[in-house]
C-alpha atoms as a PDB file:
ATOM      1  CA  MET A   1     132.084 203.879  95.256  1.00  0.00           C
ATOM      2  CA  PHE A   2     131.608 201.456  98.193  1.00  0.00           C
ATOM      3  CA  LYS A   3     128.138 200.179  97.353  1.00  0.00           C
ATOM      4  CA  LYS A   4     129.213 197.073  95.406  1.00  0.00           C
ATOM      5  CA  PRO A   5     132.114 196.134  97.751  1.00  0.00           C
ATOM      6  CA  ILE A   6     129.831 196.374 100.786  1.00  0.00           C
ATOM      7  CA  LEU A   7     127.197 194.197  99.095  1.00  0.00           C
ATOM      8  CA  GLN A   8     129.947 191.682  98.281  1.00  0.00           C
ATOM      9  CA  LEU A   9     131.151 191.808 101.871  1.00  0.00           C
ATOM     10  CA  HIS A  10     127.721 191.168 103.352  1.00  0.00           C
ATOM     11  CA  ALA A  11     127.009 188.366 100.854  1.00  0.00           C
ATOM     12  CA  ALA A  12     130.249 186.702 102.002  1.00  0.00           C
ATOM     13  CA  VAL A  13     129.298 187.134 105.663  1.00  0.00           C
ATOM     14  CA  PHE A  14     125.849 185.628 105.004  1.00  0.00           C
ATOM     15  CA  LEU A  15     127.449 182.572 103.369  1.00  0.00           C
ATOM     16  CA  TRP A  16     129.892 182.259 106.274  1.00  0.00           C
ATOM     17  CA  GLY A  17     126.820 182.169 108.499  1.00  0.00           C
ATOM     18  CA  PHE A  18     126.287 178.591 107.284  1.00  0.00           C
ATOM     19  CA  THR A  19     129.807 177.548 108.291  1.00  0.00           C
ATOM     20  CA  GLY A  20     129.064 176.944 111.965  1.00  0.00           C
ATOM     21  CA  ILE A  21     125.999 174.839 111.150  1.00  0.00           C
ATOM     22  CA  LEU A  22     127.959 172.763 108.618  1.00  0.00           C
ATOM     23  CA  GLY A  23     130.736 172.314 111.174  1.00  0.00           C
ATOM     24  CA  LYS A  24     128.159 170.876 113.566  1.00  0.00           C
ATOM     25  CA  LEU A  25     126.685 168.572 110.903  1.00  0.00           C
ATOM     26  CA  ILE A  26     130.067 167.171 109.803  1.00  0.00           C
ATOM     27  CA  THR A  27     131.106 164.336 112.118  1.00  0.00           C
ATOM     28  CA  LEU A  28     134.862 164.690 111.641  1.00  0.00           C
ATOM     29  CA  SER A  29     137.092 166.107 114.370  1.00  0.00           C
ATOM     30  CA  GLU A  30     138.210 169.716 113.832  1.00  0.00           C
ATOM     31  CA  GLY A  31     141.675 168.907 112.452  1.00  0.00           C
ATOM     32  CA  TRP A  32     140.449 166.420 109.856  1.00  0.00           C
ATOM     33  CA  LEU A  33     137.478 168.612 108.965  1.00  0.00           C
ATOM     34  CA  VAL A  34     139.750 171.552 108.128  1.00  0.00           C
ATOM     35  CA  TRP A  35     142.265 169.346 106.308  1.00  0.00           C
ATOM     36  CA  TYR A  36     139.599 167.922 103.999  1.00  0.00           C
ATOM     37  CA  ARG A  37     138.106 171.412 103.563  1.00  0.00           C
ATOM     38  CA  MET A  38     141.443 172.909 102.498  1.00  0.00           C
ATOM     39  CA  ILE A  39     142.304 170.025 100.171  1.00  0.00           C
ATOM     40  CA  LEU A  40     138.914 170.312  98.457  1.00  0.00           C
ATOM     41  CA  THR A  41     139.070 174.110  98.146  1.00  0.00           C
ATOM     42  CA  THR A  42     142.592 173.903  96.701  1.00  0.00           C
ATOM     43  CA  LEU A  43     141.473 171.365  94.101  1.00  0.00           C
ATOM     44  CA  ILE A  44     138.409 173.466  93.209  1.00  0.00           C
ATOM     45  CA  LEU A  45     140.562 176.611  92.779  1.00  0.00           C
ATOM     46  CA  LEU A  46     143.143 174.723  90.714  1.00  0.00           C
ATOM     47  CA  ALA A  47     140.386 173.524  88.366  1.00  0.00           C
ATOM     48  CA  ILE A  48     138.902 177.036  88.077  1.00  0.00           C
ATOM     49  CA  LEU A  49     142.248 178.701  87.361  1.00  0.00           C
ATOM     50  CA  GLN A  50     143.256 175.974  84.923  1.00  0.00           C
ATOM     51  CA  PHE A  51     139.931 176.383  83.108  1.00  0.00           C
ATOM     52  CA  LYS A  52     140.426 180.172  82.947  1.00  0.00           C
ATOM     53  CA  ASN A  53     144.058 179.671  81.886  1.00  0.00           C
ATOM     54  CA  SER A  54     145.056 182.106  84.631  1.00  0.00           C
ATOM     55  CA  LEU A  55     147.219 179.902  86.833  1.00  0.00           C
ATOM     56  CA  ARG A  56     150.198 182.095  87.795  1.00  0.00           C
ATOM     57  CA  LEU A  57     153.088 181.757  90.220  1.00  0.00           C
ATOM     58  CA  PRO A  58     153.582 184.932  92.269  1.00  0.00           C
ATOM     59  CA  PRO A  59     157.052 186.248  93.163  1.00  0.00           C
ATOM     60  CA  LYS A  60     158.918 184.205  95.773  1.00  0.00           C
ATOM     61  CA  LYS A  61     158.484 186.754  98.575  1.00  0.00           C
ATOM     62  CA  THR A  62     154.751 187.082  97.907  1.00  0.00           C
ATOM     63  CA  LEU A  63     154.382 183.298  97.617  1.00  0.00           C
ATOM     64  CA  LEU A  64     155.952 182.801 101.056  1.00  0.00           C
ATOM     65  CA  GLN A  65     153.665 185.468 102.523  1.00  0.00           C
ATOM     66  CA  LEU A  66     150.599 183.751 101.024  1.00  0.00           C
ATOM     67  CA  VAL A  67     151.646 180.308 102.244  1.00  0.00           C
ATOM     68  CA  GLY A  68     152.376 181.676 105.719  1.00  0.00           C
ATOM     69  CA  THR A  69     148.998 183.412 105.805  1.00  0.00           C
ATOM     70  CA  GLY A  70     147.416 180.119 104.757  1.00  0.00           C
ATOM     71  CA  ALA A  71     148.914 178.444 107.817  1.00  0.00           C
ATOM     72  CA  ILE A  72     147.316 181.136 109.994  1.00  0.00           C
ATOM     73  CA  ILE A  73     143.972 180.571 108.253  1.00  0.00           C
ATOM     74  CA  ALA A  74     144.281 176.811 108.844  1.00  0.00           C
ATOM     75  CA  LEU A  75     144.941 177.319 112.559  1.00  0.00           C
ATOM     76  CA  HIS A  76     142.028 179.782 112.739  1.00  0.00           C
ATOM     77  CA  TRP A  77     139.661 177.212 111.229  1.00  0.00           C
ATOM     78  CA  VAL A  78     140.932 174.391 113.449  1.00  0.00           C
ATOM     79  CA  CYS A  79     140.372 176.523 116.546  1.00  0.00           C
ATOM     80  CA  PHE A  80     136.982 177.719 115.282  1.00  0.00           C
ATOM     81  CA  PHE A  81     135.640 174.221 114.593  1.00  0.00           C
ATOM     82  CA  GLY A  82     137.326 173.011 117.781  1.00  0.00           C
ATOM     83  CA  SER A  83     135.351 175.664 119.666  1.00  0.00           C
ATOM     84  CA  ILE A  84     132.156 174.285 118.089  1.00  0.00           C
ATOM     85  CA  LYS A  85     133.066 170.686 118.949  1.00  0.00           C
ATOM     86  CA  TYR A  86     134.116 171.426 122.554  1.00  0.00           C
ATOM     87  CA  ALA A  87     131.277 173.889 123.206  1.00  0.00           C
ATOM     88  CA  ASN A  88     128.658 174.696 120.560  1.00  0.00           C
ATOM     89  CA  VAL A  89     128.003 176.927 117.566  1.00  0.00           C
ATOM     90  CA  SER A  90     126.779 179.778 119.734  1.00  0.00           C
ATOM     91  CA  VAL A  91     129.868 179.957 121.915  1.00  0.00           C
ATOM     92  CA  ALA A  92     132.220 179.815 118.899  1.00  0.00           C
ATOM     93  CA  LEU A  93     130.376 182.664 117.224  1.00  0.00           C
ATOM     94  CA  VAL A  94     130.218 184.777 120.365  1.00  0.00           C
ATOM     95  CA  CYS A  95     134.004 184.656 120.501  1.00  0.00           C
ATOM     96  CA  LEU A  96     134.254 185.464 116.772  1.00  0.00           C
ATOM     97  CA  SER A  97     132.215 188.592 117.369  1.00  0.00           C
ATOM     98  CA  SER A  98     135.193 190.216 119.106  1.00  0.00           C
ATOM     99  CA  ALA A  99     137.048 190.478 115.763  1.00  0.00           C
ATOM    100  CA  GLY A 100     136.126 194.149 115.362  1.00  0.00           C
ATOM    101  CA  LEU A 101     137.599 195.011 118.763  1.00  0.00           C
ATOM    102  CA  PHE A 102     140.740 192.935 118.132  1.00  0.00           C
ATOM    103  CA  THR A 103     141.183 194.686 114.772  1.00  0.00           C
ATOM    104  CA  ALA A 104     140.826 198.145 116.307  1.00  0.00           C
ATOM    105  CA  LEU A 105     143.636 197.163 118.698  1.00  0.00           C
ATOM    106  CA  LEU A 106     145.945 195.227 116.337  1.00  0.00           C
ATOM    107  CA  GLU A 107     145.620 197.011 112.971  1.00  0.00           C
ATOM    108  CA  PRO A 108     147.278 200.271 114.156  1.00  0.00           C
ATOM    109  CA  VAL A 109     150.183 198.208 115.583  1.00  0.00           C
ATOM    110  CA  MET A 110     150.681 195.977 112.506  1.00  0.00           C
ATOM    111  CA  ARG A 111     150.207 198.784 109.951  1.00  0.00           C
ATOM    112  CA  LYS A 112     151.897 201.459 112.097  1.00  0.00           C
ATOM    113  CA  THR A 113     148.938 203.834 112.080  1.00  0.00           C
ATOM    114  CA  ASN A 114     147.163 205.758 114.833  1.00  0.00           C
ATOM    115  CA  PHE A 115     144.571 204.183 117.115  1.00  0.00           C
ATOM    116  CA  ARG A 116     141.010 205.293 116.355  1.00  0.00           C
ATOM    117  CA  PRO A 117     138.898 205.663 119.502  1.00  0.00           C
ATOM    118  CA  VAL A 118     135.678 205.540 117.458  1.00  0.00           C
ATOM    119  CA  GLU A 119     136.653 202.096 116.093  1.00  0.00           C
ATOM    120  CA  LEU A 120     137.386 200.857 119.602  1.00  0.00           C
ATOM    121  CA  ALA A 121     133.942 202.089 120.658  1.00  0.00           C
ATOM    122  CA  ILE A 122     132.183 200.473 117.674  1.00  0.00           C
ATOM    123  CA  GLY A 123     134.059 197.200 118.205  1.00  0.00           C
ATOM    124  CA  THR A 124     133.087 197.125 121.855  1.00  0.00           C
ATOM    125  CA  LEU A 125     129.455 197.816 120.957  1.00  0.00           C
ATOM    126  CA  GLY A 126     129.331 194.719 118.758  1.00  0.00           C
ATOM    127  CA  VAL A 127     130.857 192.561 121.485  1.00  0.00           C
ATOM    128  CA  VAL A 128     128.271 193.760 124.024  1.00  0.00           C
ATOM    129  CA  GLY A 129     125.477 193.093 121.533  1.00  0.00           C
ATOM    130  CA  ILE A 130     126.460 189.503 120.862  1.00  0.00           C
ATOM    131  CA  TYR A 131     127.104 188.880 124.545  1.00  0.00           C
ATOM    132  CA  LEU A 132     123.458 189.718 125.156  1.00  0.00           C
ATOM    133  CA  ILE A 133     122.386 187.093 122.606  1.00  0.00           C
ATOM    134  CA  PHE A 134     124.246 184.233 124.233  1.00  0.00           C
ATOM    135  CA  HIS A 135     125.174 183.303 127.788  1.00  0.00           C
ATOM    136  CA  PHE A 136     128.476 181.611 128.539  1.00  0.00           C
ATOM    137  CA  ASP A 137     128.724 178.572 130.812  1.00  0.00           C
ATOM    138  CA  VAL A 138     131.836 177.424 132.688  1.00  0.00           C
ATOM    139  CA  GLN A 139     131.477 173.982 131.080  1.00  0.00           C
ATOM    140  CA  TYR A 140     132.450 175.613 127.780  1.00  0.00           C
ATOM    141  CA  ARG A 141     135.814 176.888 129.044  1.00  0.00           C
ATOM    142  CA  ILE A 142     137.930 175.013 126.457  1.00  0.00           C
ATOM    143  CA  GLY A 143     135.557 176.026 123.661  1.00  0.00           C
ATOM    144  CA  ILE A 144     135.755 179.687 124.734  1.00  0.00           C
ATOM    145  CA  ILE A 145     139.566 179.632 124.795  1.00  0.00           C
ATOM    146  CA  LEU A 146     139.684 178.056 121.322  1.00  0.00           C
ATOM    147  CA  GLY A 147     137.147 180.599 120.098  1.00  0.00           C
ATOM    148  CA  ILE A 148     139.187 183.550 121.353  1.00  0.00           C
ATOM    149  CA  VAL A 149     142.377 182.171 119.776  1.00  0.00           C
ATOM    150  CA  SER A 150     140.435 181.601 116.538  1.00  0.00           C
ATOM    151  CA  THR A 151     139.255 185.221 116.556  1.00  0.00           C
ATOM    152  CA  LEU A 152     142.751 186.552 117.202  1.00  0.00           C
ATOM    153  CA  LEU A 153     144.117 184.531 114.258  1.00  0.00           C
ATOM    154  CA  SER A 154     141.232 185.691 112.057  1.00  0.00           C
ATOM    155  CA  THR A 155     142.042 189.296 112.879  1.00  0.00           C
ATOM    156  CA  ILE A 156     145.724 188.838 112.024  1.00  0.00           C
ATOM    157  CA  PHE A 157     145.143 187.245 108.621  1.00  0.00           C
ATOM    158  CA  SER A 158     142.491 189.852 107.722  1.00  0.00           C
ATOM    159  CA  ILE A 159     145.028 192.648 108.339  1.00  0.00           C
ATOM    160  CA  ILE A 160     147.709 190.802 106.346  1.00  0.00           C
ATOM    161  CA  ASN A 161     145.277 190.132 103.487  1.00  0.00           C
ATOM    162  CA  LYS A 162     144.402 193.841 103.376  1.00  0.00           C
ATOM    163  CA  GLN A 163     148.050 194.528 102.571  1.00  0.00           C
ATOM    164  CA  LEU A 164     148.410 191.668 100.049  1.00  0.00           C
ATOM    165  CA  VAL A 165     145.133 192.090  98.144  1.00  0.00           C
ATOM    166  CA  ALA A 166     146.319 195.307  96.475  1.00  0.00           C
ATOM    167  CA  SER A 167     149.009 193.438  94.531  1.00  0.00           C
ATOM    168  CA  VAL A 168     147.619 189.890  94.110  1.00  0.00           C
ATOM    169  CA  LYS A 169     144.478 188.758  92.295  1.00  0.00           C
ATOM    170  CA  ALA A 170     141.801 187.331  94.608  1.00  0.00           C
ATOM    171  CA  ASP A 171     141.680 183.862  93.030  1.00  0.00           C
ATOM    172  CA  THR A 172     145.480 183.584  93.003  1.00  0.00           C
ATOM    173  CA  MET A 173     145.621 184.687  96.617  1.00  0.00           C
ATOM    174  CA  MET A 174     143.028 182.090  97.629  1.00  0.00           C
ATOM    175  CA  LEU A 175     144.824 179.276  95.805  1.00  0.00           C
ATOM    176  CA  TYR A 176     148.184 179.785  97.453  1.00  0.00           C
ATOM    177  CA  GLU A 177     146.806 180.673 100.867  1.00  0.00           C
ATOM    178  CA  LEU A 178     144.465 177.679 101.038  1.00  0.00           C
ATOM    179  CA  GLY A 179     147.041 175.440  99.355  1.00  0.00           C
ATOM    180  CA  GLY A 180     149.612 176.646 101.927  1.00  0.00           C
ATOM    181  CA  GLY A 181     147.144 175.882 104.701  1.00  0.00           C
ATOM    182  CA  ALA A 182     146.552 172.394 103.295  1.00  0.00           C
ATOM    183  CA  LEU A 183     150.326 171.794 103.153  1.00  0.00           C
ATOM    184  CA  PHE A 184     150.742 173.024 106.729  1.00  0.00           C
ATOM    185  CA  LEU A 185     147.989 170.700 108.033  1.00  0.00           C
ATOM    186  CA  THR A 186     149.417 167.787 106.034  1.00  0.00           C
ATOM    187  CA  LEU A 187     152.682 168.278 107.894  1.00  0.00           C
ATOM    188  CA  CYS A 188     150.645 168.293 111.139  1.00  0.00           C
ATOM    189  CA  LEU A 189     148.828 164.999 110.343  1.00  0.00           C
ATOM    190  CA  PRO A 190     150.987 162.901 112.721  1.00  0.00           C
ATOM    191  CA  PHE A 191     149.704 165.052 115.614  1.00  0.00           C
ATOM    192  CA  PHE A 192     145.991 164.680 114.779  1.00  0.00           C
ATOM    193  CA  GLY A 193     145.850 161.328 116.531  1.00  0.00           C
ATOM    194  CA  ILE A 194     146.786 162.961 119.829  1.00  0.00           C
ATOM    195  CA  VAL A 195     143.468 164.848 119.992  1.00  0.00           C
ATOM    196  CA  ALA A 196     141.241 162.749 117.698  1.00  0.00           C
ATOM    197  CA  GLN A 197     140.354 159.075 117.726  1.00  0.00           C
ATOM    198  CA  PRO A 198     140.620 157.160 115.466  1.00  0.00           C
ATOM    199  CA  THR A 199     143.950 158.524 114.205  1.00  0.00           C
ATOM    200  CA  PHE A 200     142.757 158.590 110.575  1.00  0.00           C
ATOM    201  CA  GLN A 201     139.233 159.726 109.750  1.00  0.00           C
ATOM    202  CA  ILE A 202     137.346 159.165 106.491  1.00  0.00           C
ATOM    203  CA  PRO A 203     134.203 161.262 105.824  1.00  0.00           C
ATOM    204  CA  THR A 204     130.855 159.495 105.569  1.00  0.00           C
ATOM    205  CA  GLY A 205     128.571 159.979 102.563  1.00  0.00           C
ATOM    206  CA  MET A 206     126.790 162.958 104.122  1.00  0.00           C
ATOM    207  CA  ASP A 207     130.084 164.340 105.397  1.00  0.00           C
ATOM    208  CA  TRP A 208     131.333 164.506 101.801  1.00  0.00           C
ATOM    209  CA  PHE A 209     128.161 166.317 100.745  1.00  0.00           C
ATOM    210  CA  TRP A 210     128.482 168.938 103.506  1.00  0.00           C
ATOM    211  CA  LEU A 211     132.234 169.269 102.900  1.00  0.00           C
ATOM    212  CA  ILE A 212     131.642 170.052  99.221  1.00  0.00           C
ATOM    213  CA  ILE A 213     129.077 172.727 100.142  1.00  0.00           C
ATOM    214  CA  LEU A 214     131.451 174.088 102.807  1.00  0.00           C
ATOM    215  CA  SER A 215     134.428 174.125 100.420  1.00  0.00           C
ATOM    216  CA  GLY A 216     132.815 175.323  97.207  1.00  0.00           C
ATOM    217  CA  VAL A 217     130.157 177.770  98.359  1.00  0.00           C
ATOM    218  CA  CYS A 218     131.081 178.837 101.902  1.00  0.00           C
ATOM    219  CA  THR A 219     134.812 178.977 101.263  1.00  0.00           C
ATOM    220  CA  VAL A 220     135.806 179.548  97.625  1.00  0.00           C
ATOM    221  CA  PHE A 221     132.883 181.751  96.606  1.00  0.00           C
ATOM    222  CA  ALA A 222     132.513 183.558  99.955  1.00  0.00           C
ATOM    223  CA  MET A 223     136.255 184.173 100.268  1.00  0.00           C
ATOM    224  CA  TYR A 224     136.389 185.493  96.682  1.00  0.00           C
ATOM    225  CA  LEU A 225     133.630 188.000  97.505  1.00  0.00           C
ATOM    226  CA  SER A 226     135.347 189.105 100.726  1.00  0.00           C
ATOM    227  CA  LEU A 227     138.729 189.592  99.034  1.00  0.00           C
ATOM    228  CA  GLN A 228     137.122 191.614  96.249  1.00  0.00           C
ATOM    229  CA  ALA A 229     135.447 193.784  98.889  1.00  0.00           C
ATOM    230  CA  LEU A 230     138.696 194.102 100.866  1.00  0.00           C
ATOM    231  CA  ARG A 231     140.222 196.035  97.941  1.00  0.00           C
ATOM    232  CA  HIS A 232     137.890 198.912  98.826  1.00  0.00           C
ATOM    233  CA  VAL A 233     137.056 198.597 102.544  1.00  0.00           C
ATOM    234  CA  SER A 234     139.272 198.386 105.621  1.00  0.00           C
ATOM    235  CA  ALA A 235     140.025 195.249 107.595  1.00  0.00           C
ATOM    236  CA  PHE A 236     138.119 196.851 110.498  1.00  0.00           C
ATOM    237  CA  THR A 237     135.023 197.328 108.308  1.00  0.00           C
ATOM    238  CA  GLN A 238     135.201 193.707 107.247  1.00  0.00           C
ATOM    239  CA  ASN A 239     135.519 192.416 110.786  1.00  0.00           C
ATOM    240  CA  ILE A 240     132.682 194.664 112.031  1.00  0.00           C
ATOM    241  CA  ALA A 241     130.478 193.185 109.278  1.00  0.00           C
ATOM    242  CA  LEU A 242     131.462 189.758 110.617  1.00  0.00           C
ATOM    243  CA  ASN A 243     129.518 190.616 113.777  1.00  0.00           C
ATOM    244  CA  LEU A 244     126.414 189.755 111.764  1.00  0.00           C
ATOM    245  CA  GLU A 245     127.635 186.204 111.142  1.00  0.00           C
ATOM    246  CA  PRO A 246     126.373 184.875 114.516  1.00  0.00           C
ATOM    247  CA  VAL A 247     122.993 186.489 113.912  1.00  0.00           C
ATOM    248  CA  TYR A 248     122.733 184.913 110.461  1.00  0.00           C
ATOM    249  CA  THR A 249     123.770 181.539 111.902  1.00  0.00           C
ATOM    250  CA  ILE A 250     121.158 181.652 114.677  1.00  0.00           C
ATOM    251  CA  LEU A 251     118.443 182.720 112.238  1.00  0.00           C
ATOM    252  CA  ILE A 252     119.409 179.877 109.870  1.00  0.00           C
ATOM    253  CA  ALA A 253     119.388 177.431 112.808  1.00  0.00           C
ATOM    254  CA  PHE A 254     115.979 178.775 113.785  1.00  0.00           C
ATOM    255  CA  LEU A 255     114.609 178.160 110.282  1.00  0.00           C
ATOM    256  CA  LEU A 256     116.224 174.723 109.866  1.00  0.00           C
ATOM    257  CA  PHE A 257     115.911 173.305 113.373  1.00  0.00           C
ATOM    258  CA  ASP A 258     113.037 175.345 114.833  1.00  0.00           C
ATOM    259  CA  GLU A 259     115.201 176.685 117.676  1.00  0.00           C
ATOM    260  CA  ALA A 260     112.719 179.341 118.727  1.00  0.00           C
ATOM    261  CA  ALA A 261     113.905 179.126 122.336  1.00  0.00           C
ATOM    262  CA  LEU A 262     117.110 180.931 121.325  1.00  0.00           C
ATOM    263  CA  LEU A 263     115.220 184.096 120.345  1.00  0.00           C
ATOM    264  CA  GLY A 264     114.389 185.699 123.703  1.00  0.00           C
ATOM    265  CA  TRP A 265     114.350 189.416 124.502  1.00  0.00           C
ATOM    266  CA  SER A 266     118.135 189.501 124.841  1.00  0.00           C
ATOM    267  CA  PHE A 267     118.454 188.314 121.232  1.00  0.00           C
ATOM    268  CA  TYR A 268     116.518 191.310 119.944  1.00  0.00           C
ATOM    269  CA  VAL A 269     118.415 193.821 122.125  1.00  0.00           C
ATOM    270  CA  GLY A 270     121.727 192.267 121.116  1.00  0.00           C
ATOM    271  CA  PHE A 271     120.665 192.163 117.494  1.00  0.00           C
ATOM    272  CA  CYS A 272     119.897 195.894 117.557  1.00  0.00           C
ATOM    273  CA  LEU A 273     123.318 196.678 119.051  1.00  0.00           C
ATOM    274  CA  ILE A 274     125.093 194.540 116.443  1.00  0.00           C
ATOM    275  CA  VAL A 275     123.165 196.166 113.575  1.00  0.00           C
ATOM    276  CA  LEU A 276     123.918 199.594 115.064  1.00  0.00           C
ATOM    277  CA  SER A 277     127.658 198.836 115.186  1.00  0.00           C
ATOM    278  CA  VAL A 278     127.595 197.633 111.557  1.00  0.00           C
ATOM    279  CA  VAL A 279     125.527 200.591 110.332  1.00  0.00           C
ATOM    280  CA  LEU A 280     127.809 203.094 112.084  1.00  0.00           C
ATOM    281  CA  GLN A 281     130.918 201.596 110.455  1.00  0.00           C
ATOM    282  CA  MET A 282     129.247 201.239 107.051  1.00  0.00           C
ATOM    283  CA  ARG A 283     128.362 204.953 107.177  1.00  0.00           C
ATOM    284  CA  ARG A 284     131.950 205.792 108.074  1.00  0.00           C
ATOM    285  CA  ALA A 285     133.230 203.566 105.236  1.00  0.00           C
ATOM    286  CA  THR A 286     131.005 205.197 102.614  1.00  0.00           C
ATOM    287  CA  GLN A 287     131.717 208.800 103.558  1.00  0.00           C
END
C-alpha cells in the first residue's frame, strides 16, 4: 500500500536536495529569490491547470487556509535561503534536519493526538546523525537562527497540509498555496530594501536559468510528488525522510564541485544514523 507513496516521497526529497545548491548559485538576496520563485511557480501551475482544464476555485474557508499556508511556506523559504546566504548550505540543512523532532513535538499538539515516544527517539536520532556530518561555527549564528525558524515553519505547514490534502487536489493546493505566498511577499516588497541592496533586484541571465529549474523541477514537480505521498504517509514520516535532503545535497555538491574534504569519518557515521532513522520510520509506516 505504501510502496508508491514512499517512492514519490523520496523522489521529492532527492529533488529538494538540489534546492540548497541552486540557492547558492542564484545571486539574488533571499527575499527576491523566493518572490521570483513563487511568481514563476504560480505561472507554471496556472498554465498546467489551464491546459488540463482543471482550474477550480475551492470553498472560501479552504481558500483562506491555502493562502495562509502559502504565507507560511514563503516565510519558510525566505528563512531557509537567508540561512544559506548568512551562513552556508551545510548550516541551513543541518537546521532543517530537526524537522522530524519538531514534528514529533508539534503534531500531537496541533492535531490533538498523543505523543509518541518512539517518534521523539527517531527524530532525535536523525538530528544527532546530521550534527555529526557538519560542525557549527559561532560566525554562523544568524544563519543558524534563520535555519531553525525555517525548520519550525516547515514543520507547521507540513502538519497543516496533511489535514488539507485529504480534501483538496494536489495541483489545486499548490496553486493557491504558492499563489498566496507570492501575494504575501508582494505585499512585503517595500520591506525588502531594508535587508537587501539594491532595493529592487533583477535576475541575471544565469539567475533566470536556475530560477526556472528551481521553480519547475524542484518546486512544482517535487511538491506535487510530496503532496501525493502525504495522502498515505504521516507528516512525521515525510519530515523524517527530509533528513536525507542534506545528505543528497552534500553528495551532489561533491559530484559537481569536487568537495571531497566534506566527506570525513563523521560524514559516514552521521549518514548511517540518518539512514537508520529513515529506515526505522519507513518500516513503521509500511506495517
